[in-house]
N, C-alpha and C. Protein backbone atom coordinates (compact mmCIF):
# COMPACT_ATOMS: atom_id res chain seq x y z
N UNK A 1 -26.25 -50.93 -19.16
CA UNK A 1 -24.94 -50.98 -19.04
C UNK A 1 -24.59 -52.50 -18.76
N UNK A 2 -23.52 -52.94 -19.43
CA UNK A 2 -23.13 -54.47 -18.95
C UNK A 2 -22.66 -54.42 -17.44
N UNK A 3 -22.68 -55.63 -16.99
CA UNK A 3 -22.14 -55.96 -15.53
C UNK A 3 -20.68 -55.59 -15.50
N UNK A 4 -19.88 -55.94 -16.51
CA UNK A 4 -18.49 -55.78 -16.45
C UNK A 4 -17.96 -54.98 -17.74
N UNK A 5 -17.50 -54.01 -17.62
CA UNK A 5 -17.03 -53.12 -18.85
C UNK A 5 -15.78 -52.52 -18.71
N UNK A 6 -15.13 -51.91 -19.85
CA UNK A 6 -13.80 -51.58 -19.84
C UNK A 6 -13.84 -50.24 -20.41
N UNK A 7 -12.79 -49.51 -19.72
CA UNK A 7 -12.43 -48.15 -20.36
C UNK A 7 -10.88 -48.36 -20.88
N UNK A 8 -10.76 -48.15 -22.10
CA UNK A 8 -9.38 -48.26 -22.61
C UNK A 8 -8.67 -47.03 -22.70
N UNK A 9 -7.43 -46.86 -22.00
CA UNK A 9 -6.89 -45.59 -22.10
C UNK A 9 -6.10 -45.25 -23.39
N UNK A 10 -5.73 -44.20 -23.66
CA UNK A 10 -4.92 -43.79 -24.81
C UNK A 10 -3.81 -44.59 -25.07
N UNK A 11 -2.98 -44.67 -23.80
CA UNK A 11 -1.76 -45.58 -23.82
C UNK A 11 -1.95 -46.98 -24.67
N UNK A 12 -3.04 -47.54 -24.24
CA UNK A 12 -3.16 -48.98 -24.57
C UNK A 12 -3.73 -48.82 -26.08
N UNK A 13 -4.58 -47.91 -26.51
CA UNK A 13 -5.09 -47.87 -27.80
C UNK A 13 -3.82 -47.67 -28.70
N UNK A 14 -2.98 -46.63 -28.37
CA UNK A 14 -1.85 -46.45 -29.28
C UNK A 14 -1.00 -47.72 -29.59
N UNK A 15 -0.64 -48.55 -28.51
CA UNK A 15 0.08 -49.67 -28.68
C UNK A 15 -0.66 -50.66 -29.40
N UNK A 16 -1.91 -50.76 -29.12
CA UNK A 16 -2.82 -51.78 -29.90
C UNK A 16 -3.05 -51.51 -31.41
N UNK A 17 -3.02 -50.15 -31.89
CA UNK A 17 -3.22 -49.71 -33.15
C UNK A 17 -1.95 -49.83 -33.97
N UNK A 18 -1.00 -50.03 -33.44
CA UNK A 18 0.41 -50.37 -34.11
C UNK A 18 0.42 -51.61 -34.89
N UNK A 19 0.78 -51.77 -36.02
CA UNK A 19 0.96 -52.97 -36.74
C UNK A 19 2.06 -53.93 -35.90
N UNK A 20 1.73 -55.11 -35.64
CA UNK A 20 2.67 -56.12 -35.16
C UNK A 20 3.32 -55.72 -33.83
N UNK A 21 2.57 -55.04 -33.07
CA UNK A 21 3.15 -54.53 -31.92
C UNK A 21 2.21 -54.77 -30.63
N UNK A 22 2.78 -55.14 -29.60
CA UNK A 22 1.98 -55.56 -28.35
C UNK A 22 0.85 -56.54 -28.62
N UNK A 23 1.19 -57.70 -29.14
CA UNK A 23 0.05 -58.61 -29.56
C UNK A 23 -0.85 -59.11 -28.33
N UNK A 24 -0.44 -59.25 -27.16
CA UNK A 24 -1.33 -59.50 -26.11
C UNK A 24 -2.24 -58.48 -25.76
N UNK A 25 -1.90 -57.12 -25.81
CA UNK A 25 -2.65 -56.21 -25.56
C UNK A 25 -3.76 -56.03 -26.74
N UNK A 26 -3.28 -56.08 -27.95
CA UNK A 26 -4.11 -55.97 -29.17
C UNK A 26 -5.29 -57.21 -28.99
N UNK A 27 -4.71 -58.20 -28.65
CA UNK A 27 -5.77 -59.38 -28.50
C UNK A 27 -6.85 -59.00 -27.39
N UNK A 28 -6.35 -58.46 -26.21
CA UNK A 28 -7.29 -58.27 -25.14
C UNK A 28 -8.26 -57.23 -25.48
N UNK A 29 -7.75 -56.17 -26.25
CA UNK A 29 -8.77 -55.16 -26.82
C UNK A 29 -9.63 -55.71 -27.68
N UNK A 30 -9.21 -56.49 -28.77
CA UNK A 30 -10.15 -57.05 -29.61
C UNK A 30 -11.19 -57.92 -29.00
N UNK A 31 -10.88 -58.63 -27.95
CA UNK A 31 -11.78 -59.48 -27.20
C UNK A 31 -12.94 -58.63 -26.47
N UNK A 32 -12.43 -57.49 -25.89
CA UNK A 32 -13.54 -56.68 -25.25
C UNK A 32 -14.22 -55.91 -26.12
N UNK A 33 -13.67 -55.64 -27.36
CA UNK A 33 -14.38 -54.92 -28.33
C UNK A 33 -15.43 -55.90 -28.98
N UNK A 34 -15.24 -57.13 -29.17
CA UNK A 34 -16.02 -58.01 -29.75
C UNK A 34 -17.24 -58.38 -28.90
N UNK A 35 -17.06 -58.27 -27.43
CA UNK A 35 -18.00 -58.49 -26.56
C UNK A 35 -18.76 -57.07 -26.07
N UNK A 36 -18.60 -56.06 -26.94
CA UNK A 36 -19.31 -54.76 -26.62
C UNK A 36 -19.08 -54.40 -25.23
N UNK A 37 -17.94 -54.55 -24.75
CA UNK A 37 -17.83 -54.17 -23.26
C UNK A 37 -16.97 -52.98 -23.11
N UNK A 38 -16.65 -52.25 -24.27
CA UNK A 38 -15.81 -51.04 -24.09
C UNK A 38 -16.62 -49.61 -24.06
N UNK A 39 -16.18 -48.85 -23.26
CA UNK A 39 -16.70 -47.22 -23.25
C UNK A 39 -15.40 -46.60 -23.43
N UNK A 40 -15.64 -45.29 -23.87
CA UNK A 40 -14.68 -44.42 -24.01
C UNK A 40 -14.98 -43.14 -23.20
N UNK A 41 -14.18 -42.05 -23.29
CA UNK A 41 -14.54 -40.68 -22.88
C UNK A 41 -13.95 -39.69 -23.54
N UNK A 42 -14.46 -38.47 -23.73
CA UNK A 42 -14.01 -37.49 -24.46
C UNK A 42 -12.57 -37.14 -24.58
N UNK A 43 -11.84 -37.16 -23.31
CA UNK A 43 -10.42 -36.97 -23.22
C UNK A 43 -9.66 -37.89 -24.00
N UNK A 44 -9.91 -39.30 -23.97
CA UNK A 44 -9.37 -40.27 -24.75
C UNK A 44 -9.53 -40.07 -26.19
N UNK A 45 -10.70 -39.71 -26.57
CA UNK A 45 -10.98 -39.51 -28.11
C UNK A 45 -10.17 -38.37 -28.48
N UNK A 46 -10.27 -37.26 -27.72
CA UNK A 46 -9.31 -36.05 -28.08
C UNK A 46 -7.88 -36.48 -28.09
N UNK A 47 -7.27 -37.28 -27.25
CA UNK A 47 -5.90 -37.55 -27.28
C UNK A 47 -5.66 -38.44 -28.53
N UNK A 48 -6.51 -39.44 -28.97
CA UNK A 48 -6.39 -40.28 -29.98
C UNK A 48 -6.54 -39.59 -31.32
N UNK A 49 -7.55 -38.73 -31.53
CA UNK A 49 -7.77 -38.08 -32.87
C UNK A 49 -6.85 -36.99 -33.09
N UNK A 50 -6.47 -36.35 -31.92
CA UNK A 50 -5.33 -35.27 -32.11
C UNK A 50 -3.99 -35.84 -32.37
N UNK A 51 -3.68 -37.03 -32.50
CA UNK A 51 -2.40 -37.59 -32.75
C UNK A 51 -2.35 -38.30 -34.09
N UNK A 52 -3.45 -38.27 -34.73
CA UNK A 52 -3.47 -38.98 -36.13
C UNK A 52 -2.75 -38.09 -37.17
N UNK A 53 -2.37 -38.80 -38.10
CA UNK A 53 -1.48 -38.06 -39.08
C UNK A 53 -2.15 -37.58 -40.54
N UNK A 54 -3.14 -38.41 -40.89
CA UNK A 54 -3.83 -38.08 -42.08
C UNK A 54 -5.36 -38.05 -41.86
N UNK A 55 -5.88 -37.37 -42.86
CA UNK A 55 -7.43 -37.21 -42.84
C UNK A 55 -8.06 -38.57 -42.93
N UNK A 56 -7.56 -39.39 -43.75
CA UNK A 56 -8.15 -40.64 -43.86
C UNK A 56 -8.10 -41.48 -42.41
N UNK A 57 -6.90 -41.45 -41.83
CA UNK A 57 -6.70 -41.92 -40.55
C UNK A 57 -7.71 -41.46 -39.46
N UNK A 58 -7.86 -40.19 -39.63
CA UNK A 58 -8.88 -39.39 -38.67
C UNK A 58 -10.25 -39.96 -38.89
N UNK A 59 -10.59 -40.00 -40.15
CA UNK A 59 -11.98 -40.38 -40.31
C UNK A 59 -12.38 -41.93 -39.87
N UNK A 60 -11.25 -42.66 -40.30
CA UNK A 60 -11.42 -44.01 -40.04
C UNK A 60 -11.49 -44.29 -38.40
N UNK A 61 -10.68 -43.83 -37.70
CA UNK A 61 -10.49 -43.92 -36.22
C UNK A 61 -11.71 -43.17 -35.60
N UNK A 62 -12.14 -42.07 -36.02
CA UNK A 62 -13.26 -41.32 -35.62
C UNK A 62 -14.53 -42.20 -35.68
N UNK A 63 -14.77 -42.84 -36.81
CA UNK A 63 -15.84 -43.77 -36.98
C UNK A 63 -15.95 -44.85 -35.86
N UNK A 64 -14.71 -45.35 -35.82
CA UNK A 64 -14.74 -46.55 -34.69
C UNK A 64 -14.98 -46.16 -33.40
N UNK A 65 -14.34 -45.01 -32.95
CA UNK A 65 -14.54 -44.57 -31.64
C UNK A 65 -16.04 -43.97 -31.46
N UNK A 66 -16.57 -43.32 -32.43
CA UNK A 66 -18.04 -42.96 -32.19
C UNK A 66 -19.03 -44.13 -32.23
N UNK A 67 -18.65 -45.27 -32.45
CA UNK A 67 -19.50 -46.46 -32.24
C UNK A 67 -19.58 -46.90 -30.82
N UNK A 68 -18.63 -46.43 -29.85
CA UNK A 68 -18.46 -46.71 -28.58
C UNK A 68 -19.34 -45.79 -27.62
N UNK A 69 -20.09 -46.42 -26.57
CA UNK A 69 -20.68 -45.39 -25.70
C UNK A 69 -19.48 -44.73 -24.95
N UNK A 70 -19.97 -43.40 -24.59
CA UNK A 70 -19.11 -42.49 -24.04
C UNK A 70 -19.45 -42.15 -22.56
N UNK A 71 -18.43 -42.12 -21.66
CA UNK A 71 -18.75 -41.69 -20.32
C UNK A 71 -18.68 -40.20 -20.24
N UNK A 72 -19.78 -39.56 -19.88
CA UNK A 72 -19.95 -38.09 -19.90
C UNK A 72 -19.11 -37.52 -18.69
N UNK A 73 -18.46 -36.62 -19.00
CA UNK A 73 -17.69 -35.71 -17.90
C UNK A 73 -18.46 -34.74 -17.43
N UNK A 74 -19.53 -34.92 -16.55
CA UNK A 74 -20.49 -33.97 -16.00
C UNK A 74 -19.80 -33.23 -14.74
N UNK A 75 -20.56 -32.48 -14.01
CA UNK A 75 -19.95 -31.83 -12.88
C UNK A 75 -19.65 -32.79 -11.84
N UNK A 76 -20.42 -33.83 -11.61
CA UNK A 76 -20.22 -34.82 -10.66
C UNK A 76 -18.79 -35.64 -10.91
N UNK A 77 -18.71 -35.92 -12.06
CA UNK A 77 -17.43 -36.64 -12.42
C UNK A 77 -16.19 -35.73 -12.12
N UNK A 78 -16.45 -34.46 -12.55
CA UNK A 78 -15.24 -33.56 -12.35
C UNK A 78 -14.91 -33.33 -10.78
N UNK A 79 -16.08 -33.35 -9.99
CA UNK A 79 -15.93 -33.22 -8.54
C UNK A 79 -15.19 -34.40 -7.94
N UNK A 80 -15.52 -35.61 -8.54
CA UNK A 80 -14.79 -37.03 -8.31
C UNK A 80 -13.36 -36.88 -8.61
N UNK A 81 -13.08 -36.29 -9.72
CA UNK A 81 -11.71 -36.12 -10.11
C UNK A 81 -11.03 -35.18 -9.18
N UNK A 82 -11.46 -34.26 -8.72
CA UNK A 82 -10.80 -33.32 -7.74
C UNK A 82 -10.54 -33.95 -6.47
N UNK A 83 -11.55 -34.64 -6.09
CA UNK A 83 -11.29 -35.39 -4.76
C UNK A 83 -10.31 -36.33 -4.90
N UNK A 84 -10.27 -37.20 -5.97
CA UNK A 84 -9.24 -38.18 -6.21
C UNK A 84 -7.96 -37.56 -6.23
N UNK A 85 -7.62 -36.45 -6.93
CA UNK A 85 -6.38 -35.76 -7.08
C UNK A 85 -6.11 -35.51 -5.52
N UNK A 86 -6.83 -34.76 -4.88
CA UNK A 86 -6.67 -34.33 -3.48
C UNK A 86 -6.15 -35.46 -2.68
N UNK A 87 -6.88 -36.58 -2.57
CA UNK A 87 -6.43 -37.62 -1.75
C UNK A 87 -5.30 -38.37 -2.13
N UNK A 88 -5.03 -38.33 -3.42
CA UNK A 88 -3.81 -38.98 -3.99
C UNK A 88 -2.55 -38.22 -3.65
N UNK A 89 -2.62 -36.76 -3.72
CA UNK A 89 -1.68 -35.94 -3.27
C UNK A 89 -1.29 -36.01 -1.68
N UNK A 90 -2.31 -36.13 -0.99
CA UNK A 90 -2.15 -36.34 0.54
C UNK A 90 -1.29 -37.74 0.70
N UNK A 91 -1.50 -38.69 -0.22
CA UNK A 91 -0.56 -39.93 -0.03
C UNK A 91 0.78 -40.03 -0.78
N UNK A 92 1.09 -38.69 -1.29
CA UNK A 92 2.28 -38.51 -1.91
C UNK A 92 2.36 -39.04 -3.42
N UNK A 93 1.27 -39.14 -3.91
CA UNK A 93 1.08 -39.55 -5.37
C UNK A 93 0.80 -38.48 -6.22
N UNK A 94 1.64 -38.16 -7.17
CA UNK A 94 1.42 -37.01 -8.12
C UNK A 94 1.39 -37.62 -9.51
N UNK A 95 0.27 -37.47 -10.11
CA UNK A 95 0.22 -37.87 -11.44
C UNK A 95 -0.43 -36.77 -12.48
N UNK A 96 -0.30 -36.89 -13.76
CA UNK A 96 -0.89 -35.83 -14.57
C UNK A 96 -2.36 -35.93 -14.34
N UNK A 97 -3.06 -34.51 -14.50
CA UNK A 97 -4.52 -34.49 -14.26
C UNK A 97 -5.19 -35.12 -15.29
N UNK A 98 -4.66 -35.36 -16.45
CA UNK A 98 -5.35 -36.01 -17.52
C UNK A 98 -5.72 -37.49 -17.08
N UNK A 99 -4.76 -38.07 -16.37
CA UNK A 99 -4.86 -39.48 -15.86
C UNK A 99 -5.82 -39.55 -14.71
N UNK A 100 -5.87 -38.45 -14.05
CA UNK A 100 -6.73 -38.40 -12.88
C UNK A 100 -8.17 -38.46 -13.35
N UNK A 101 -8.49 -37.44 -14.40
CA UNK A 101 -9.70 -37.46 -14.96
C UNK A 101 -10.14 -38.91 -15.63
N UNK A 102 -9.32 -39.58 -16.30
CA UNK A 102 -9.59 -40.79 -16.91
C UNK A 102 -9.93 -41.82 -15.81
N UNK A 103 -8.98 -41.89 -14.85
CA UNK A 103 -9.15 -42.78 -13.58
C UNK A 103 -10.53 -42.47 -13.04
N UNK A 104 -10.82 -41.14 -12.76
CA UNK A 104 -12.20 -40.94 -12.29
C UNK A 104 -13.27 -41.45 -13.06
N UNK A 105 -13.33 -41.32 -14.40
CA UNK A 105 -14.31 -41.89 -15.20
C UNK A 105 -14.42 -43.35 -15.02
N UNK A 106 -13.26 -44.07 -14.97
CA UNK A 106 -13.45 -45.64 -14.72
C UNK A 106 -13.84 -45.88 -13.40
N UNK A 107 -13.51 -45.16 -12.34
CA UNK A 107 -14.05 -45.40 -10.94
C UNK A 107 -15.64 -45.08 -10.99
N UNK A 108 -15.92 -43.91 -11.42
CA UNK A 108 -17.34 -43.58 -11.38
C UNK A 108 -18.26 -44.61 -12.09
N UNK A 109 -17.91 -45.18 -13.17
CA UNK A 109 -18.77 -46.10 -13.80
C UNK A 109 -18.31 -47.52 -13.45
N UNK A 110 -17.39 -47.82 -12.53
CA UNK A 110 -17.11 -49.04 -12.12
C UNK A 110 -16.50 -49.91 -13.37
N UNK A 111 -15.79 -49.28 -14.32
CA UNK A 111 -15.15 -49.80 -15.30
C UNK A 111 -13.71 -50.37 -14.97
N UNK A 112 -13.20 -51.36 -15.66
CA UNK A 112 -11.73 -51.65 -15.34
C UNK A 112 -11.05 -50.94 -16.42
N UNK A 113 -10.02 -50.22 -16.14
CA UNK A 113 -9.12 -49.42 -17.08
C UNK A 113 -8.09 -50.22 -17.54
N UNK A 114 -8.00 -50.45 -18.85
CA UNK A 114 -7.07 -51.15 -19.62
C UNK A 114 -5.94 -50.09 -19.98
N UNK A 115 -4.72 -50.27 -19.68
CA UNK A 115 -3.67 -49.24 -19.83
C UNK A 115 -2.15 -49.81 -19.93
N UNK A 116 -1.52 -48.85 -20.44
CA UNK A 116 0.17 -49.05 -20.63
C UNK A 116 0.78 -47.93 -19.95
N UNK A 117 0.35 -47.45 -18.82
CA UNK A 117 0.73 -46.12 -18.38
C UNK A 117 0.98 -46.38 -16.85
N UNK A 118 2.25 -46.33 -16.28
CA UNK A 118 2.39 -46.66 -14.96
C UNK A 118 1.80 -45.74 -13.96
N UNK A 119 1.24 -44.61 -14.31
CA UNK A 119 0.52 -43.75 -13.49
C UNK A 119 -0.78 -44.28 -13.07
N UNK A 120 -1.37 -45.01 -13.78
CA UNK A 120 -2.65 -45.75 -13.50
C UNK A 120 -2.38 -46.94 -12.40
N UNK A 121 -1.22 -47.58 -12.44
CA UNK A 121 -1.01 -48.47 -11.43
C UNK A 121 -0.89 -47.80 -10.17
N UNK A 122 -0.14 -46.61 -10.02
CA UNK A 122 -0.07 -45.85 -8.84
C UNK A 122 -1.35 -45.54 -8.37
N UNK A 123 -2.35 -44.97 -9.20
CA UNK A 123 -3.54 -44.48 -8.75
C UNK A 123 -4.30 -45.66 -8.22
N UNK A 124 -4.24 -46.97 -8.95
CA UNK A 124 -4.99 -48.02 -8.40
C UNK A 124 -4.52 -48.59 -7.09
N UNK A 125 -3.12 -48.29 -6.83
CA UNK A 125 -2.67 -48.71 -5.40
C UNK A 125 -3.27 -47.91 -4.24
N UNK A 126 -3.84 -46.82 -4.53
CA UNK A 126 -4.30 -45.89 -3.69
C UNK A 126 -5.73 -45.50 -3.70
N UNK A 127 -6.48 -46.10 -4.52
CA UNK A 127 -7.98 -45.82 -4.69
C UNK A 127 -8.64 -47.24 -4.97
N UNK A 128 -9.89 -46.97 -5.41
CA UNK A 128 -10.63 -48.11 -5.93
C UNK A 128 -10.55 -48.53 -7.41
N UNK A 129 -9.77 -47.69 -8.08
CA UNK A 129 -9.51 -47.94 -9.52
C UNK A 129 -9.07 -49.43 -9.85
N UNK A 130 -9.85 -50.13 -10.69
CA UNK A 130 -9.56 -51.43 -11.12
C UNK A 130 -8.81 -51.23 -12.58
N UNK A 131 -7.71 -51.86 -12.48
CA UNK A 131 -7.03 -51.98 -13.82
C UNK A 131 -6.44 -53.30 -14.50
N UNK A 132 -6.25 -53.24 -15.60
CA UNK A 132 -5.43 -54.28 -16.36
C UNK A 132 -4.38 -53.51 -16.99
N UNK A 133 -3.11 -53.85 -16.30
CA UNK A 133 -1.84 -53.24 -16.76
C UNK A 133 -1.25 -53.93 -17.78
N UNK A 134 -0.73 -53.22 -18.86
CA UNK A 134 0.07 -53.75 -19.81
C UNK A 134 1.45 -52.89 -19.88
N UNK A 135 1.90 -52.50 -18.65
CA UNK A 135 3.24 -51.62 -18.59
C UNK A 135 4.29 -52.60 -18.79
């Protein structure tokens, strides 16, 4: 595993995949992809592939995502996600469980999460999550 790597949230992928939209985010993602520093996880792949409109888009995007290393969501990671949710709730931070799981993946692997979702900024303010925010 590289010393510095990134997990790109669905919110960032969606903006970066649009034509002529969010050029700074697209440039950042292109940069980390060129440097082979990007990981994904099953939940992000599910969210992305579940939202495509055509078979051709599905095959094209799946092929690109399959080329990335994936962070496995094993029992340890699920336990970490549960603990993160518990501690965030005690601090008054309520976010969707999908975001908790994605944040737990990034924290567990010490990846920086590239995102465009304000929930991750809240999680980062109350945990060890490292983020690059494009909110």
